[in-house]
Structure formats: structure tokens, C-alpha cells
Amino acid sequence: EDLLARRTRLCYEHRDRGLAAAEEVADLAGELLGWDEERKSAELASYRSRCEAEEKAEGIRSEAEAQLVRAEAPETTPFIDVAPEVDG
């Protein structure tokens, strides 16, 4: 998901949101990152869910409602806050 959505921006640059390339990208990433088939399948499923949610959200006029629809797509990798604590 990260590669297609954030790093290559295929999800924004192609009408199909990069779905045609998703499996090949997952194969390449999986080889480099040591993913097993289960992880690769999970990454692909997550990206497809994200694309479906994004497509649904496009038809909604209210940005707040659209964000709720986008949030329905599960994240594969949890966000880890590594910023240092700031006192003040």
C-alpha cells in the first residue's frame, strides 16, 4: 500500500489507481523486504480496500463524510509515533 499510494503515487496518477500494477509491485517489494505469501496477500488486500474506499469517497460532497468512508479501509502497518516527547 505504501509504495503504490505514497511513494509512487500510482493511486493518483492512473485511472485504475495502479491496481493493474499492484501484484507486480507486491512481488518486487516482497522479494526486497522478505515478505512471505501471507504478507504479500495482506498488502494487496489492504491496497484494494483502500482503492475501493477512495472510489466510494469520490462521490461524497461532504469532506467529513468522505473521510469516514476512506477510514473504512484497514491499515496494514500500524502508525508508530517516533517523534520525541516535547515538554511545554
PDB file of N, CA and C in Angstrom:
ATOM      1  N   GLU A   1       0.833  -1.190   0.000  1.00  0.00           N
ATOM      2  CA  GLU A   1       0.000   0.000   0.000  1.00  0.00           C
ATOM      3  C   GLU A   1       0.875   1.250   0.000  1.00  0.00           C
ATOM      4  N   ASP A   2       1.864   1.275   0.860  1.00  0.00           N
ATOM      5  CA  ASP A   2       2.734   2.440   0.976  1.00  0.00           C
ATOM      6  C   ASP A   2       3.407   2.771  -0.351  1.00  0.00           C
ATOM      7  N   LEU A   3       3.883   1.760  -1.051  1.00  0.00           N
ATOM      8  CA  LEU A   3       4.565   2.010  -2.318  1.00  0.00           C
ATOM      9  C   LEU A   3       3.630   2.584  -3.372  1.00  0.00           C
ATOM     10  N   LEU A   4       2.452   2.019  -3.501  1.00  0.00           N
ATOM     11  CA  LEU A   4       1.521   2.465  -4.536  1.00  0.00           C
ATOM     12  C   LEU A   4       0.854   3.790  -4.190  1.00  0.00           C
ATOM     13  N   ALA A   5       0.565   3.995  -2.932  1.00  0.00           N
ATOM     14  CA  ALA A   5      -0.182   5.190  -2.538  1.00  0.00           C
ATOM     15  C   ALA A   5       0.717   6.385  -2.244  1.00  0.00           C
ATOM     16  N   ARG A   6       1.834   6.159  -1.589  1.00  0.00           N
ATOM     17  CA  ARG A   6       2.624   7.290  -1.118  1.00  0.00           C
ATOM     18  C   ARG A   6       3.926   7.500  -1.883  1.00  0.00           C
ATOM     19  N   ARG A   7       4.609   6.442  -2.165  1.00  0.00           N
ATOM     20  CA  ARG A   7       5.942   6.598  -2.753  1.00  0.00           C
ATOM     21  C   ARG A   7       5.920   6.734  -4.276  1.00  0.00           C
ATOM     22  N   THR A   8       5.063   5.980  -4.955  1.00  0.00           N
ATOM     23  CA  THR A   8       4.992   6.100  -6.416  1.00  0.00           C
ATOM     24  C   THR A   8       3.813   6.947  -6.866  1.00  0.00           C
ATOM     25  N   ARG A   9       2.830   7.121  -6.009  1.00  0.00           N
ATOM     26  CA  ARG A   9       1.616   7.887  -6.287  1.00  0.00           C
ATOM     27  C   ARG A   9       0.804   7.301  -7.450  1.00  0.00           C
ATOM     28  N   LEU A  10       0.982   6.007  -7.730  1.00  0.00           N
ATOM     29  CA  LEU A  10       0.208   5.359  -8.793  1.00  0.00           C
ATOM     30  C   LEU A  10      -1.284   5.454  -8.534  1.00  0.00           C
ATOM     31  N   CYS A  11      -1.665   5.485  -7.284  1.00  0.00           N
ATOM     32  CA  CYS A  11      -3.097   5.551  -6.974  1.00  0.00           C
ATOM     33  C   CYS A  11      -3.707   6.870  -7.442  1.00  0.00           C
ATOM     34  N   TYR A  12      -2.886   7.897  -7.605  1.00  0.00           N
ATOM     35  CA  TYR A  12      -3.385   9.198  -8.054  1.00  0.00           C
ATOM     36  C   TYR A  12      -3.151   9.429  -9.544  1.00  0.00           C
ATOM     37  N   GLU A  13      -2.153   8.775 -10.092  1.00  0.00           N
ATOM     38  CA  GLU A  13      -1.736   9.043 -11.463  1.00  0.00           C
ATOM     39  C   GLU A  13      -2.426   8.183 -12.515  1.00  0.00           C
ATOM     40  N   HIS A  14      -3.056   7.091 -12.099  1.00  0.00           N
ATOM     41  CA  HIS A  14      -3.683   6.184 -13.061  1.00  0.00           C
ATOM     42  C   HIS A  14      -5.159   5.988 -12.743  1.00  0.00           C
ATOM     43  N   ARG A  15      -5.937   5.902 -13.791  1.00  0.00           N
ATOM     44  CA  ARG A  15      -7.384   5.763 -13.645  1.00  0.00           C
ATOM     45  C   ARG A  15      -7.766   4.552 -12.789  1.00  0.00           C
ATOM     46  N   ASP A  16      -7.014   3.461 -12.918  1.00  0.00           N
ATOM     47  CA  ASP A  16      -7.321   2.252 -12.143  1.00  0.00           C
ATOM     48  C   ASP A  16      -6.645   2.261 -10.768  1.00  0.00           C
ATOM     49  N   ARG A  17      -6.062   3.405 -10.407  1.00  0.00           N
ATOM     50  CA  ARG A  17      -5.370   3.590  -9.120  1.00  0.00           C
ATOM     51  C   ARG A  17      -4.155   2.663  -8.969  1.00  0.00           C
ATOM     52  N   GLY A  18      -3.621   2.222 -10.065  1.00  0.00           N
ATOM     53  CA  GLY A  18      -2.444   1.364 -10.015  1.00  0.00           C
ATOM     54  C   GLY A  18      -2.745  -0.095  -9.743  1.00  0.00           C
ATOM     55  N   LEU A  19      -4.025  -0.463  -9.771  1.00  0.00           N
ATOM     56  CA  LEU A  19      -4.389  -1.854  -9.475  1.00  0.00           C
ATOM     57  C   LEU A  19      -3.777  -2.841 -10.474  1.00  0.00           C
ATOM     58  N   ALA A  20      -3.625  -2.422 -11.726  1.00  0.00           N
ATOM     59  CA  ALA A  20      -3.042  -3.317 -12.728  1.00  0.00           C
ATOM     60  C   ALA A  20      -1.592  -3.661 -12.393  1.00  0.00           C
ATOM     61  N   ALA A  21      -0.910  -2.762 -11.709  1.00  0.00           N
ATOM     62  CA  ALA A  21       0.493  -2.980 -11.353  1.00  0.00           C
ATOM     63  C   ALA A  21       0.676  -3.519  -9.941  1.00  0.00           C
ATOM     64  N   ALA A  22      -0.385  -3.569  -9.166  1.00  0.00           N
ATOM     65  CA  ALA A  22      -0.279  -3.884  -7.736  1.00  0.00           C
ATOM     66  C   ALA A  22       0.390  -5.228  -7.463  1.00  0.00           C
ATOM     67  N   GLU A  23       0.027  -6.245  -8.200  1.00  0.00           N
ATOM     68  CA  GLU A  23       0.600  -7.565  -7.934  1.00  0.00           C
ATOM     69  C   GLU A  23       2.090  -7.600  -8.258  1.00  0.00           C
ATOM     70  N   GLU A  24       2.459  -6.974  -9.357  1.00  0.00           N
ATOM     71  CA  GLU A  24       3.877  -6.938  -9.724  1.00  0.00           C
ATOM     72  C   GLU A  24       4.680  -6.133  -8.700  1.00  0.00           C
ATOM     73  N   VAL A  25       4.127  -5.014  -8.257  1.00  0.00           N
ATOM     74  CA  VAL A  25       4.793  -4.211  -7.229  1.00  0.00           C
ATOM     75  C   VAL A  25       4.940  -5.017  -5.941  1.00  0.00           C
ATOM     76  N   ALA A  26       3.898  -5.738  -5.561  1.00  0.00           N
ATOM     77  CA  ALA A  26       3.959  -6.567  -4.352  1.00  0.00           C
ATOM     78  C   ALA A  26       5.013  -7.667  -4.490  1.00  0.00           C
ATOM     79  N   ASP A  27       5.140  -8.243  -5.678  1.00  0.00           N
ATOM     80  CA  ASP A  27       6.175  -9.260  -5.898  1.00  0.00           C
ATOM     81  C   ASP A  27       7.570  -8.663  -5.706  1.00  0.00           C
ATOM     82  N   LEU A  28       7.797  -7.495  -6.308  1.00  0.00           N
ATOM     83  CA  LEU A  28       9.102  -6.839  -6.189  1.00  0.00           C
ATOM     84  C   LEU A  28       9.392  -6.425  -4.752  1.00  0.00           C
ATOM     85  N   ALA A  29       8.419  -5.793  -4.119  1.00  0.00           N
ATOM     86  CA  ALA A  29       8.596  -5.349  -2.735  1.00  0.00           C
ATOM     87  C   ALA A  29       8.787  -6.545  -1.815  1.00  0.00           C
ATOM     88  N   GLY A  30       7.995  -7.568  -2.039  1.00  0.00           N
ATOM     89  CA  GLY A  30       8.084  -8.757  -1.203  1.00  0.00           C
ATOM     90  C   GLY A  30       9.452  -9.411  -1.263  1.00  0.00           C
ATOM     91  N   GLU A  31      10.021  -9.435  -2.455  1.00  0.00           N
ATOM     92  CA  GLU A  31      11.354 -10.013  -2.612  1.00  0.00           C
ATOM     93  C   GLU A  31      12.389  -9.188  -1.846  1.00  0.00           C
ATOM     94  N   LEU A  32      12.305  -7.871  -1.968  1.00  0.00           N
ATOM     95  CA  LEU A  32      13.263  -6.989  -1.294  1.00  0.00           C
ATOM     96  C   LEU A  32      13.071  -6.943   0.220  1.00  0.00           C
ATOM     97  N   LEU A  33      11.824  -7.049   0.662  1.00  0.00           N
ATOM     98  CA  LEU A  33      11.513  -6.899   2.085  1.00  0.00           C
ATOM     99  C   LEU A  33      11.332  -8.226   2.819  1.00  0.00           C
ATOM    100  N   GLY A  34      11.478  -9.323   2.098  1.00  0.00           N
ATOM    101  CA  GLY A  34      11.381 -10.633   2.730  1.00  0.00           C
ATOM    102  C   GLY A  34       9.970 -11.043   3.125  1.00  0.00           C
ATOM    103  N   TRP A  35       8.976 -10.575   2.368  1.00  0.00           N
ATOM    104  CA  TRP A  35       7.589 -10.933   2.670  1.00  0.00           C
ATOM    105  C   TRP A  35       7.317 -12.373   2.261  1.00  0.00           C
ATOM    106  N   ASP A  36       6.523 -13.065   3.062  1.00  0.00           N
ATOM    107  CA  ASP A  36       6.022 -14.367   2.650  1.00  0.00           C
ATOM    108  C   ASP A  36       4.711 -14.141   1.885  1.00  0.00           C
ATOM    109  N   GLU A  37       4.123 -15.211   1.381  1.00  0.00           N
ATOM    110  CA  GLU A  37       2.888 -15.080   0.590  1.00  0.00           C
ATOM    111  C   GLU A  37       1.749 -14.478   1.412  1.00  0.00           C
ATOM    112  N   GLU A  38       1.700 -14.813   2.688  1.00  0.00           N
ATOM    113  CA  GLU A  38       0.643 -14.274   3.551  1.00  0.00           C
ATOM    114  C   GLU A  38       0.752 -12.753   3.671  1.00  0.00           C
ATOM    115  N   ARG A  39       1.958 -12.254   3.871  1.00  0.00           N
ATOM    116  CA  ARG A  39       2.159 -10.804   3.992  1.00  0.00           C
ATOM    117  C   ARG A  39       1.853 -10.115   2.667  1.00  0.00           C
ATOM    118  N   LYS A  40       2.302 -10.718   1.578  1.00  0.00           N
ATOM    119  CA  LYS A  40       2.047 -10.134   0.262  1.00  0.00           C
ATOM    120  C   LYS A  40       0.548 -10.062  -0.011  1.00  0.00           C
ATOM    121  N   SER A  41      -0.171 -11.117   0.307  1.00  0.00           N
ATOM    122  CA  SER A  41      -1.627 -11.131   0.120  1.00  0.00           C
ATOM    123  C   SER A  41      -2.305 -10.077   0.982  1.00  0.00           C
ATOM    124  N   ALA A  42      -1.822  -9.914   2.204  1.00  0.00           N
ATOM    125  CA  ALA A  42      -2.392  -8.905   3.105  1.00  0.00           C
ATOM    126  C   ALA A  42      -2.153  -7.499   2.570  1.00  0.00           C
ATOM    127  N   GLU A  43      -0.968  -7.252   2.043  1.00  0.00           N
ATOM    128  CA  GLU A  43      -0.655  -5.939   1.471  1.00  0.00           C
ATOM    129  C   GLU A  43      -1.544  -5.652   0.263  1.00  0.00           C
ATOM    130  N   LEU A  44      -1.722  -6.642  -0.603  1.00  0.00           N
ATOM    131  CA  LEU A  44      -2.580  -6.462  -1.777  1.00  0.00           C
ATOM    132  C   LEU A  44      -4.033  -6.229  -1.374  1.00  0.00           C
ATOM    133  N   ALA A  45      -4.510  -6.993  -0.418  1.00  0.00           N
ATOM    134  CA  ALA A  45      -5.892  -6.823   0.050  1.00  0.00           C
ATOM    135  C   ALA A  45      -6.089  -5.444   0.659  1.00  0.00           C
ATOM    136  N   SER A  46      -5.106  -4.983   1.403  1.00  0.00           N
ATOM    137  CA  SER A  46      -5.189  -3.657   2.009  1.00  0.00           C
ATOM    138  C   SER A  46      -5.252  -2.574   0.935  1.00  0.00           C
ATOM    139  N   TYR A  47      -4.415  -2.708  -0.081  1.00  0.00           N
ATOM    140  CA  TYR A  47      -4.410  -1.708  -1.145  1.00  0.00           C
ATOM    141  C   TYR A  47      -5.727  -1.719  -1.921  1.00  0.00           C
ATOM    142  N   ARG A  48      -6.238  -2.892  -2.205  1.00  0.00           N
ATOM    143  CA  ARG A  48      -7.525  -2.973  -2.910  1.00  0.00           C
ATOM    144  C   ARG A  48      -8.643  -2.350  -2.077  1.00  0.00           C
ATOM    145  N   SER A  49      -8.630  -2.588  -0.771  1.00  0.00           N
ATOM    146  CA  SER A  49      -9.634  -1.982   0.118  1.00  0.00           C
ATOM    147  C   SER A  49      -9.522  -0.470   0.104  1.00  0.00           C
ATOM    148  N   ARG A  50      -8.291   0.011   0.115  1.00  0.00           N
ATOM    149  CA  ARG A  50      -8.064   1.456   0.072  1.00  0.00           C
ATOM    150  C   ARG A  50      -8.625   2.045  -1.226  1.00  0.00           C
ATOM    151  N   CYS A  51      -8.389   1.371  -2.330  1.00  0.00           N
ATOM    152  CA  CYS A  51      -8.888   1.854  -3.619  1.00  0.00           C
ATOM    153  C   CYS A  51     -10.412   1.873  -3.652  1.00  0.00           C
ATOM    154  N   GLU A  52     -11.029   0.833  -3.121  1.00  0.00           N
ATOM    155  CA  GLU A  52     -12.494   0.777  -3.073  1.00  0.00           C
ATOM    156  C   GLU A  52     -13.050   1.911  -2.212  1.00  0.00           C
ATOM    157  N   ALA A  53     -12.443   2.144  -1.066  1.00  0.00           N
ATOM    158  CA  ALA A  53     -12.901   3.214  -0.177  1.00  0.00           C
ATOM    159  C   ALA A  53     -12.716   4.576  -0.832  1.00  0.00           C
ATOM    160  N   GLU A  54     -11.612   4.753  -1.521  1.00  0.00           N
ATOM    161  CA  GLU A  54     -11.334   6.015  -2.205  1.00  0.00           C
ATOM    162  C   GLU A  54     -12.365   6.260  -3.306  1.00  0.00           C
ATOM    163  N   GLU A  55     -12.712   5.220  -4.042  1.00  0.00           N
ATOM    164  CA  GLU A  55     -13.711   5.343  -5.105  1.00  0.00           C
ATOM    165  C   GLU A  55     -15.076   5.725  -4.529  1.00  0.00           C
ATOM    166  N   LYS A  56     -15.464   5.097  -3.425  1.00  0.00           N
ATOM    167  CA  LYS A  56     -16.734   5.449  -2.769  1.00  0.00           C
ATOM    168  C   LYS A  56     -16.716   6.899  -2.299  1.00  0.00           C
ATOM    169  N   ALA A  57     -15.597   7.316  -1.732  1.00  0.00           N
ATOM    170  CA  ALA A  57     -15.485   8.664  -1.169  1.00  0.00           C
ATOM    171  C   ALA A  57     -15.559   9.749  -2.238  1.00  0.00           C
ATOM    172  N   GLU A  58     -15.153   9.440  -3.452  1.00  0.00           N
ATOM    173  CA  GLU A  58     -15.166  10.440  -4.520  1.00  0.00           C
ATOM    174  C   GLU A  58     -16.559  10.973  -4.814  1.00  0.00           C
ATOM    175  N   GLY A  59     -17.573  10.169  -4.579  1.00  0.00           N
ATOM    176  CA  GLY A  59     -18.935  10.599  -4.876  1.00  0.00           C
ATOM    177  C   GLY A  59     -19.621  11.337  -3.738  1.00  0.00           C
ATOM    178  N   ILE A  60     -18.900  11.589  -2.665  1.00  0.00           N
ATOM    179  CA  ILE A  60     -19.495  12.235  -1.497  1.00  0.00           C
ATOM    180  C   ILE A  60     -19.075  13.697  -1.455  1.00  0.00           C
ATOM    181  N   ARG A  61     -20.041  14.582  -1.340  1.00  0.00           N
ATOM    182  CA  ARG A  61     -19.741  16.016  -1.350  1.00  0.00           C
ATOM    183  C   ARG A  61     -19.114  16.511  -0.053  1.00  0.00           C
ATOM    184  N   SER A  62     -19.535  15.961   1.051  1.00  0.00           N
ATOM    185  CA  SER A  62     -19.009  16.389   2.349  1.00  0.00           C
ATOM    186  C   SER A  62     -17.648  15.741   2.601  1.00  0.00           C
ATOM    187  N   GLU A  63     -16.628  16.567   2.809  1.00  0.00           N
ATOM    188  CA  GLU A  63     -15.294  16.023   3.062  1.00  0.00           C
ATOM    189  C   GLU A  63     -15.258  15.211   4.351  1.00  0.00           C
ATOM    190  N   ALA A  64     -15.991  15.649   5.356  1.00  0.00           N
ATOM    191  CA  ALA A  64     -16.026  14.908   6.623  1.00  0.00           C
ATOM    192  C   ALA A  64     -16.602  13.506   6.410  1.00  0.00           C
ATOM    193  N   GLU A  65     -17.670  13.414   5.640  1.00  0.00           N
ATOM    194  CA  GLU A  65     -18.267  12.104   5.354  1.00  0.00           C
ATOM    195  C   GLU A  65     -17.337  11.261   4.480  1.00  0.00           C
ATOM    196  N   ALA A  66     -16.686  11.898   3.525  1.00  0.00           N
ATOM    197  CA  ALA A  66     -15.752  11.182   2.655  1.00  0.00           C
ATOM    198  C   ALA A  66     -14.592  10.611   3.469  1.00  0.00           C
ATOM    199  N   GLN A  67     -14.115  11.367   4.444  1.00  0.00           N
ATOM    200  CA  GLN A  67     -13.024  10.877   5.296  1.00  0.00           C
ATOM    201  C   GLN A  67     -13.451   9.647   6.088  1.00  0.00           C
ATOM    202  N   LEU A  68     -14.697   9.639   6.537  1.00  0.00           N
ATOM    203  CA  LEU A  68     -15.202   8.467   7.261  1.00  0.00           C
ATOM    204  C   LEU A  68     -15.206   7.230   6.368  1.00  0.00           C
ATOM    205  N   VAL A  69     -15.587   7.409   5.110  1.00  0.00           N
ATOM    206  CA  VAL A  69     -15.602   6.293   4.159  1.00  0.00           C
ATOM    207  C   VAL A  69     -14.172   5.818   3.897  1.00  0.00           C
ATOM    208  N   ARG A  70     -13.245   6.768   3.721  1.00  0.00           N
ATOM    209  CA  ARG A  70     -11.845   6.394   3.492  1.00  0.00           C
ATOM    210  C   ARG A  70     -11.278   5.627   4.683  1.00  0.00           C
ATOM    211  N   ALA A  71     -11.699   5.995   5.870  1.00  0.00           N
ATOM    212  CA  ALA A  71     -11.191   5.361   7.093  1.00  0.00           C
ATOM    213  C   ALA A  71     -11.657   3.910   7.232  1.00  0.00           C
ATOM    214  N   GLU A  72     -12.633   3.502   6.432  1.00  0.00           N
ATOM    215  CA  GLU A  72     -13.105   2.114   6.477  1.00  0.00           C
ATOM    216  C   GLU A  72     -12.044   1.133   5.977  1.00  0.00           C
ATOM    217  N   ALA A  73     -11.136   1.607   5.144  1.00  0.00           N
ATOM    218  CA  ALA A  73     -10.083   0.731   4.623  1.00  0.00           C
ATOM    219  C   ALA A  73      -9.064   0.478   5.729  1.00  0.00           C
ATOM    220  N   PRO A  74      -8.799  -0.783   6.036  1.00  0.00           N
ATOM    221  CA  PRO A  74      -7.858  -1.087   7.121  1.00  0.00           C
ATOM    222  C   PRO A  74      -6.420  -0.746   6.745  1.00  0.00           C
ATOM    223  N   GLU A  75      -5.653  -0.345   7.719  1.00  0.00           N
ATOM    224  CA  GLU A  75      -4.226  -0.104   7.532  1.00  0.00           C
ATOM    225  C   GLU A  75      -3.490  -1.421   7.733  1.00  0.00           C
ATOM    226  N   THR A  76      -2.537  -1.710   6.868  1.00  0.00           N
ATOM    227  CA  THR A  76      -1.753  -2.929   7.017  1.00  0.00           C
ATOM    228  C   THR A  76      -0.717  -2.771   8.118  1.00  0.00           C
ATOM    229  N   THR A  77      -0.050  -1.637   8.096  1.00  0.00           N
ATOM    230  CA  THR A  77       1.000  -1.375   9.064  1.00  0.00           C
ATOM    231  C   THR A  77       0.534  -0.294  10.014  1.00  0.00           C
ATOM    232  N   PRO A  78       0.558  -0.556  11.296  1.00  0.00           N
ATOM    233  CA  PRO A  78       0.106   0.464  12.240  1.00  0.00           C
ATOM    234  C   PRO A  78       1.053   1.659  12.267  1.00  0.00           C
ATOM    235  N   PHE A  79       0.501   2.829  12.536  1.00  0.00           N
ATOM    236  CA  PHE A  79       1.296   4.039  12.668  1.00  0.00           C
ATOM    237  C   PHE A  79       2.063   3.977  13.977  1.00  0.00           C
ATOM    238  N   ILE A  80       3.352   4.227  13.910  1.00  0.00           N
ATOM    239  CA  ILE A  80       4.182   4.253  15.107  1.00  0.00           C
ATOM    240  C   ILE A  80       4.757   5.651  15.233  1.00  0.00           C
ATOM    241  N   ASP A  81       4.397   6.339  16.280  1.00  0.00           N
ATOM    242  CA  ASP A  81       4.877   7.698  16.511  1.00  0.00           C
ATOM    243  C   ASP A  81       6.274   7.628  17.102  1.00  0.00           C
ATOM    244  N   VAL A  82       7.256   8.092  16.361  1.00  0.00           N
ATOM    245  CA  VAL A  82       8.635   8.062  16.836  1.00  0.00           C
ATOM    246  C   VAL A  82       9.153   9.452  17.176  1.00  0.00           C
ATOM    247  N   ALA A  83       8.255  10.431  17.151  1.00  0.00           N
ATOM    248  CA  ALA A  83       8.656  11.794  17.494  1.00  0.00           C
ATOM    249  C   ALA A  83       8.989  11.864  18.980  1.00  0.00           C
ATOM    250  N   PRO A  84      10.021  12.620  19.313  1.00  0.00           N
ATOM    251  CA  PRO A  84      10.374  12.743  20.729  1.00  0.00           C
ATOM    252  C   PRO A  84       9.309  13.525  21.489  1.00  0.00           C
ATOM    253  N   GLU A  85       9.169  13.195  22.749  1.00  0.00           N
ATOM    254  CA  GLU A  85       8.241  13.928  23.613  1.00  0.00           C
ATOM    255  C   GLU A  85       8.769  15.344  23.806  1.00  0.00           C
ATOM    256  N   VAL A  86       7.875  16.305  23.762  1.00  0.00           N
ATOM    257  CA  VAL A  86       8.257  17.701  23.956  1.00  0.00           C
ATOM    258  C   VAL A  86       7.547  18.215  25.191  1.00  0.00           C
ATOM    259  N   ASP A  87       8.320  18.717  26.135  1.00  0.00           N
ATOM    260  CA  ASP A  87       7.731  19.302  27.337  1.00  0.00           C
ATOM    261  C   ASP A  87       7.325  20.731  27.039  1.00  0.00           C
ATOM    262  N   GLY A  88       6.186  21.116  27.570  1.00  0.00           N
ATOM    263  CA  GLY A  88       5.845  22.518  27.398  1.00  0.00           C
ATOM    264  C   GLY A  88       4.468  22.712  27.186  1.00  0.00           C
TER     265      GLY A  88
END
